[in-house]
Amino acid sequence: MQTIKEKITDLKATNKAKSEARQEEKAEKDLAKSRADVAHEIRLAKEAEAAMDRHVSKAVEKAANYDAKVAEEKQFDHDKDALNNRHGATNERSAANHSGGKASNIPSHLSKYV
């Protein structure tokens, strides 16, 4: 009878040791899985950051191109307006002088500011 009790005690101890080993193994697997998940998320974050940097640099490049284009158009419009103002002022003076109508009250040296 004593031998049976010892055998049962040994089996319980063995089962307890196996159960603890399984729990430790499961905890280690969970930890490894968590580390793998973290590493995966870090990789995804780095990829997203690289993509965002690429998009930002592309946006900066497009903004610089747009600014250059706008500056070029402004310069062209400014030159065009200056040319039109010179020709327009000359045409207005000659039209006022030849129209026989009402002459402008603005002195000719100030007409360029109107």
N, C-alpha and C. Protein backbone atom coordinates (compact mmCIF):
# COMPACT_ATOMS: atom_id res chain seq x y z
N MET A 1 0.81 -1.18 0.00
CA MET A 1 0.00 0.00 0.00
C MET A 1 0.87 1.26 0.00
N GLN A 2 1.92 1.19 0.78
CA GLN A 2 2.86 2.29 0.85
C GLN A 2 3.47 2.57 -0.50
N THR A 3 3.80 1.58 -1.23
CA THR A 3 4.40 1.72 -2.56
C THR A 3 3.43 2.40 -3.51
N ILE A 4 2.17 2.08 -3.38
CA ILE A 4 1.16 2.71 -4.25
C ILE A 4 1.06 4.20 -3.92
N LYS A 5 1.08 4.51 -2.62
CA LYS A 5 1.02 5.92 -2.22
C LYS A 5 2.24 6.68 -2.74
N GLU A 6 3.41 6.05 -2.63
CA GLU A 6 4.63 6.70 -3.13
C GLU A 6 4.56 6.90 -4.65
N LYS A 7 4.04 5.90 -5.32
CA LYS A 7 3.90 5.96 -6.78
C LYS A 7 2.96 7.10 -7.15
N ILE A 8 1.83 7.20 -6.44
CA ILE A 8 0.85 8.26 -6.71
C ILE A 8 1.49 9.63 -6.42
N THR A 9 2.23 9.74 -5.33
CA THR A 9 2.91 10.98 -5.00
C THR A 9 3.92 11.34 -6.07
N ASP A 10 4.68 10.35 -6.54
CA ASP A 10 5.66 10.59 -7.60
C ASP A 10 4.96 11.03 -8.89
N LEU A 11 3.83 10.39 -9.22
CA LEU A 11 3.08 10.77 -10.42
C LEU A 11 2.55 12.21 -10.31
N LYS A 12 2.06 12.57 -9.11
CA LYS A 12 1.57 13.94 -8.90
C LYS A 12 2.71 14.94 -9.05
N ALA A 13 3.86 14.61 -8.50
CA ALA A 13 5.02 15.50 -8.59
C ALA A 13 5.47 15.62 -10.05
N THR A 14 5.46 14.51 -10.75
CA THR A 14 5.84 14.52 -12.17
C THR A 14 4.86 15.35 -12.97
N ASN A 15 3.57 15.14 -12.74
CA ASN A 15 2.54 15.91 -13.45
C ASN A 15 2.66 17.41 -13.14
N LYS A 16 2.95 17.70 -11.87
CA LYS A 16 3.10 19.10 -11.47
C LYS A 16 4.31 19.71 -12.18
N ALA A 17 5.40 19.00 -12.26
CA ALA A 17 6.61 19.48 -12.94
C ALA A 17 6.34 19.68 -14.42
N LYS A 18 5.62 18.72 -15.03
CA LYS A 18 5.27 18.84 -16.46
C LYS A 18 4.38 20.06 -16.70
N SER A 19 3.42 20.25 -15.80
CA SER A 19 2.50 21.37 -15.93
C SER A 19 3.25 22.70 -15.81
N GLU A 20 4.15 22.80 -14.85
CA GLU A 20 4.95 24.00 -14.70
C GLU A 20 5.83 24.23 -15.93
N ALA A 21 6.41 23.15 -16.45
CA ALA A 21 7.25 23.28 -17.64
C ALA A 21 6.41 23.76 -18.83
N ARG A 22 5.21 23.23 -18.97
CA ARG A 22 4.31 23.67 -20.05
C ARG A 22 3.97 25.15 -19.90
N GLN A 23 3.67 25.57 -18.66
CA GLN A 23 3.34 26.97 -18.41
C GLN A 23 4.52 27.89 -18.74
N GLU A 24 5.72 27.48 -18.34
CA GLU A 24 6.92 28.26 -18.66
C GLU A 24 7.13 28.35 -20.17
N GLU A 25 6.96 27.20 -20.84
CA GLU A 25 7.12 27.17 -22.29
C GLU A 25 6.09 28.08 -22.97
N LYS A 26 4.85 28.03 -22.48
CA LYS A 26 3.81 28.87 -23.03
C LYS A 26 4.13 30.35 -22.81
N ALA A 27 4.62 30.68 -21.62
CA ALA A 27 4.99 32.06 -21.32
C ALA A 27 6.12 32.52 -22.23
N GLU A 28 7.12 31.66 -22.45
CA GLU A 28 8.22 31.99 -23.34
C GLU A 28 7.73 32.18 -24.78
N LYS A 29 6.81 31.29 -25.22
CA LYS A 29 6.25 31.43 -26.57
C LYS A 29 5.47 32.74 -26.71
N ASP A 30 4.68 33.06 -25.68
CA ASP A 30 3.93 34.33 -25.71
C ASP A 30 4.87 35.53 -25.77
N LEU A 31 5.94 35.45 -24.96
CA LEU A 31 6.93 36.52 -24.96
C LEU A 31 7.60 36.64 -26.33
N ALA A 32 7.96 35.51 -26.91
CA ALA A 32 8.59 35.52 -28.24
C ALA A 32 7.62 36.06 -29.28
N LYS A 33 6.35 35.67 -29.17
CA LYS A 33 5.34 36.16 -30.10
C LYS A 33 5.17 37.67 -29.94
N SER A 34 5.15 38.12 -28.70
CA SER A 34 5.03 39.57 -28.44
C SER A 34 6.22 40.31 -29.02
N ARG A 35 7.42 39.77 -28.84
CA ARG A 35 8.61 40.40 -29.41
C ARG A 35 8.53 40.43 -30.93
N ALA A 36 8.06 39.35 -31.52
CA ALA A 36 7.92 39.31 -32.98
C ALA A 36 6.88 40.33 -33.44
N ASP A 37 5.78 40.44 -32.70
CA ASP A 37 4.75 41.43 -33.04
C ASP A 37 5.30 42.86 -32.94
N VAL A 38 6.07 43.11 -31.89
CA VAL A 38 6.66 44.44 -31.71
C VAL A 38 7.64 44.72 -32.85
N ALA A 39 8.47 43.75 -33.18
CA ALA A 39 9.43 43.93 -34.27
C ALA A 39 8.70 44.18 -35.59
N HIS A 40 7.60 43.48 -35.80
CA HIS A 40 6.80 43.67 -37.02
C HIS A 40 6.22 45.08 -37.07
N GLU A 41 5.67 45.54 -35.95
CA GLU A 41 5.10 46.89 -35.90
C GLU A 41 6.17 47.95 -36.08
N ILE A 42 7.35 47.72 -35.51
CA ILE A 42 8.46 48.67 -35.69
C ILE A 42 8.86 48.73 -37.16
N ARG A 43 8.92 47.58 -37.81
CA ARG A 43 9.26 47.55 -39.23
C ARG A 43 8.22 48.31 -40.04
N LEU A 44 6.94 48.08 -39.74
CA LEU A 44 5.88 48.79 -40.46
C LEU A 44 5.97 50.30 -40.22
N ALA A 45 6.27 50.69 -38.98
CA ALA A 45 6.40 52.11 -38.66
C ALA A 45 7.57 52.74 -39.41
N LYS A 46 8.68 52.03 -39.49
CA LYS A 46 9.84 52.55 -40.22
C LYS A 46 9.52 52.69 -41.71
N GLU A 47 8.81 51.70 -42.26
CA GLU A 47 8.42 51.78 -43.66
C GLU A 47 7.47 52.96 -43.89
N ALA A 48 6.53 53.14 -42.98
CA ALA A 48 5.59 54.26 -43.11
C ALA A 48 6.32 55.59 -42.98
N GLU A 49 7.29 55.65 -42.07
CA GLU A 49 8.06 56.89 -41.90
C GLU A 49 8.87 57.19 -43.16
N ALA A 50 9.46 56.16 -43.75
CA ALA A 50 10.22 56.36 -44.98
C ALA A 50 9.30 56.82 -46.11
N ALA A 51 8.12 56.23 -46.18
CA ALA A 51 7.15 56.64 -47.21
C ALA A 51 6.71 58.08 -46.96
N MET A 52 6.49 58.44 -45.71
CA MET A 52 6.08 59.81 -45.39
C MET A 52 7.19 60.79 -45.73
N ASP A 53 8.44 60.44 -45.43
CA ASP A 53 9.57 61.30 -45.79
C ASP A 53 9.63 61.50 -47.30
N ARG A 54 9.38 60.41 -48.03
CA ARG A 54 9.39 60.50 -49.50
C ARG A 54 8.27 61.42 -49.97
N HIS A 55 7.10 61.30 -49.37
CA HIS A 55 5.97 62.16 -49.76
C HIS A 55 6.24 63.62 -49.40
N VAL A 56 6.84 63.84 -48.24
CA VAL A 56 7.15 65.21 -47.81
C VAL A 56 8.17 65.84 -48.76
N SER A 57 9.21 65.08 -49.10
CA SER A 57 10.22 65.65 -50.00
C SER A 57 9.63 65.90 -51.38
N LYS A 58 8.72 65.02 -51.80
CA LYS A 58 8.05 65.22 -53.09
C LYS A 58 7.16 66.47 -53.03
N ALA A 59 6.47 66.67 -51.91
CA ALA A 59 5.61 67.85 -51.75
C ALA A 59 6.45 69.12 -51.72
N VAL A 60 7.59 69.07 -51.05
CA VAL A 60 8.48 70.23 -51.01
C VAL A 60 8.98 70.56 -52.41
N GLU A 61 9.33 69.53 -53.15
CA GLU A 61 9.79 69.73 -54.53
C GLU A 61 8.69 70.35 -55.39
N LYS A 62 7.46 69.84 -55.25
CA LYS A 62 6.35 70.39 -56.01
C LYS A 62 6.06 71.83 -55.61
N ALA A 63 6.16 72.11 -54.31
CA ALA A 63 5.93 73.48 -53.84
C ALA A 63 6.99 74.42 -54.39
N ALA A 64 8.24 73.96 -54.43
CA ALA A 64 9.31 74.79 -54.97
C ALA A 64 9.08 75.04 -56.46
N ASN A 65 8.66 74.00 -57.18
CA ASN A 65 8.36 74.18 -58.61
C ASN A 65 7.21 75.15 -58.80
N TYR A 66 6.19 75.04 -57.95
CA TYR A 66 5.04 75.93 -58.05
C TYR A 66 5.46 77.38 -57.75
N ASP A 67 6.26 77.56 -56.69
CA ASP A 67 6.72 78.90 -56.35
C ASP A 67 7.54 79.51 -57.49
N ALA A 68 8.39 78.70 -58.10
CA ALA A 68 9.19 79.19 -59.23
C ALA A 68 8.28 79.57 -60.39
N LYS A 69 7.28 78.74 -60.64
CA LYS A 69 6.35 79.02 -61.73
C LYS A 69 5.57 80.30 -61.46
N VAL A 70 5.08 80.45 -60.22
CA VAL A 70 4.32 81.65 -59.86
C VAL A 70 5.21 82.89 -59.96
N ALA A 71 6.44 82.78 -59.49
CA ALA A 71 7.36 83.92 -59.57
C ALA A 71 7.63 84.29 -61.03
N GLU A 72 7.78 83.26 -61.86
CA GLU A 72 8.01 83.50 -63.28
C GLU A 72 6.79 84.17 -63.91
N GLU A 73 5.60 83.69 -63.56
CA GLU A 73 4.37 84.29 -64.11
C GLU A 73 4.20 85.72 -63.61
N LYS A 74 4.52 85.97 -62.34
CA LYS A 74 4.41 87.32 -61.80
C LYS A 74 5.37 88.26 -62.54
N GLN A 75 6.58 87.77 -62.77
CA GLN A 75 7.56 88.59 -63.48
C GLN A 75 7.07 88.88 -64.89
N PHE A 76 6.53 87.85 -65.56
CA PHE A 76 6.01 88.02 -66.91
C PHE A 76 4.84 89.00 -66.91
N ASP A 77 3.91 88.83 -65.96
CA ASP A 77 2.76 89.75 -65.87
C ASP A 77 3.21 91.17 -65.55
N HIS A 78 4.21 91.30 -64.67
CA HIS A 78 4.72 92.62 -64.31
C HIS A 78 5.34 93.29 -65.54
N ASP A 79 6.14 92.52 -66.27
CA ASP A 79 6.75 93.07 -67.49
C ASP A 79 5.67 93.44 -68.50
N LYS A 80 4.67 92.59 -68.63
CA LYS A 80 3.58 92.83 -69.58
C LYS A 80 2.78 94.08 -69.17
N ASP A 81 2.49 94.19 -67.85
CA ASP A 81 1.76 95.37 -67.36
C ASP A 81 2.58 96.64 -67.57
N ALA A 82 3.85 96.57 -67.31
CA ALA A 82 4.71 97.74 -67.49
C ALA A 82 4.70 98.17 -68.95
N LEU A 83 4.77 97.19 -69.84
CA LEU A 83 4.75 97.50 -71.27
C LEU A 83 3.40 98.08 -71.65
N ASN A 84 2.32 97.50 -71.17
CA ASN A 84 0.97 98.02 -71.47
C ASN A 84 0.77 99.40 -70.89
N ASN A 85 1.29 99.65 -69.69
CA ASN A 85 1.13 100.96 -69.07
C ASN A 85 1.85 102.03 -69.87
N ARG A 86 3.03 101.70 -70.39
CA ARG A 86 3.76 102.68 -71.19
C ARG A 86 3.00 102.99 -72.47
N HIS A 87 2.53 101.93 -73.14
CA HIS A 87 1.78 102.12 -74.39
C HIS A 87 0.41 102.71 -74.11
N GLY A 88 -0.23 102.29 -73.02
CA GLY A 88 -1.56 102.78 -72.68
C GLY A 88 -1.53 104.26 -72.34
N ALA A 89 -0.53 104.68 -71.59
CA ALA A 89 -0.44 106.10 -71.22
C ALA A 89 -0.21 106.94 -72.46
N THR A 90 0.61 106.47 -73.36
CA THR A 90 0.86 107.20 -74.61
C THR A 90 -0.41 107.28 -75.43
N ASN A 91 -1.13 106.17 -75.52
CA ASN A 91 -2.37 106.14 -76.29
C ASN A 91 -3.44 107.02 -75.66
N GLU A 92 -3.52 107.04 -74.33
CA GLU A 92 -4.52 107.86 -73.66
C GLU A 92 -4.24 109.34 -73.89
N ARG A 93 -2.97 109.73 -73.81
CA ARG A 93 -2.63 111.13 -74.03
C ARG A 93 -2.94 111.55 -75.45
N SER A 94 -2.59 110.69 -76.39
CA SER A 94 -2.86 111.06 -77.78
C SER A 94 -4.35 111.05 -78.05
N ALA A 95 -5.10 110.13 -77.41
CA ALA A 95 -6.55 110.10 -77.60
C ALA A 95 -7.18 111.33 -76.97
N ALA A 96 -6.71 111.75 -75.81
CA ALA A 96 -7.26 112.93 -75.15
C ALA A 96 -6.94 114.18 -75.96
N ASN A 97 -5.78 114.22 -76.56
CA ASN A 97 -5.40 115.40 -77.33
C ASN A 97 -6.14 115.46 -78.66
N HIS A 98 -6.45 114.30 -79.25
CA HIS A 98 -7.05 114.27 -80.57
C HIS A 98 -8.55 114.05 -80.55
N SER A 99 -9.13 113.74 -79.41
CA SER A 99 -10.55 113.42 -79.37
C SER A 99 -11.42 114.64 -79.45
N GLY A 100 -10.90 115.78 -79.11
CA GLY A 100 -11.69 116.98 -79.13
C GLY A 100 -12.62 117.04 -77.94
N GLY A 101 -12.59 116.00 -77.13
CA GLY A 101 -13.45 115.93 -75.95
C GLY A 101 -12.77 116.58 -74.77
N LYS A 102 -13.21 116.15 -73.66
CA LYS A 102 -12.71 116.70 -72.41
C LYS A 102 -11.27 116.23 -72.18
N ALA A 103 -10.37 117.09 -71.91
CA ALA A 103 -9.00 116.73 -71.63
C ALA A 103 -8.89 116.33 -70.17
N SER A 104 -7.89 115.54 -69.87
CA SER A 104 -7.68 115.09 -68.50
C SER A 104 -7.16 116.23 -67.66
N ASN A 105 -7.57 116.27 -66.40
CA ASN A 105 -7.10 117.29 -65.47
C ASN A 105 -5.78 116.90 -64.81
N ILE A 106 -5.34 115.67 -65.06
CA ILE A 106 -4.13 115.17 -64.42
C ILE A 106 -2.94 115.63 -65.25
N PRO A 107 -1.97 116.24 -64.63
CA PRO A 107 -0.78 116.65 -65.37
C PRO A 107 -0.10 115.44 -65.99
N SER A 108 0.52 115.64 -67.13
CA SER A 108 1.10 114.53 -67.88
C SER A 108 2.21 113.84 -67.09
N HIS A 109 2.95 114.56 -66.27
CA HIS A 109 4.04 113.91 -65.52
C HIS A 109 3.49 113.06 -64.36
N LEU A 110 2.20 113.19 -64.00
CA LEU A 110 1.59 112.37 -62.96
C LEU A 110 0.66 111.29 -63.52
N SER A 111 0.43 111.30 -64.80
CA SER A 111 -0.51 110.35 -65.38
C SER A 111 -0.07 108.92 -65.27
N LYS A 112 1.21 108.69 -65.15
CA LYS A 112 1.70 107.32 -65.03
C LYS A 112 1.29 106.66 -63.72
N TYR A 113 0.91 107.46 -62.72
CA TYR A 113 0.50 106.90 -61.42
C TYR A 113 -0.99 106.55 -61.36
N VAL A 114 -1.75 106.92 -62.36
CA VAL A 114 -3.18 106.69 -62.35
C VAL A 114 -3.50 105.32 -62.87
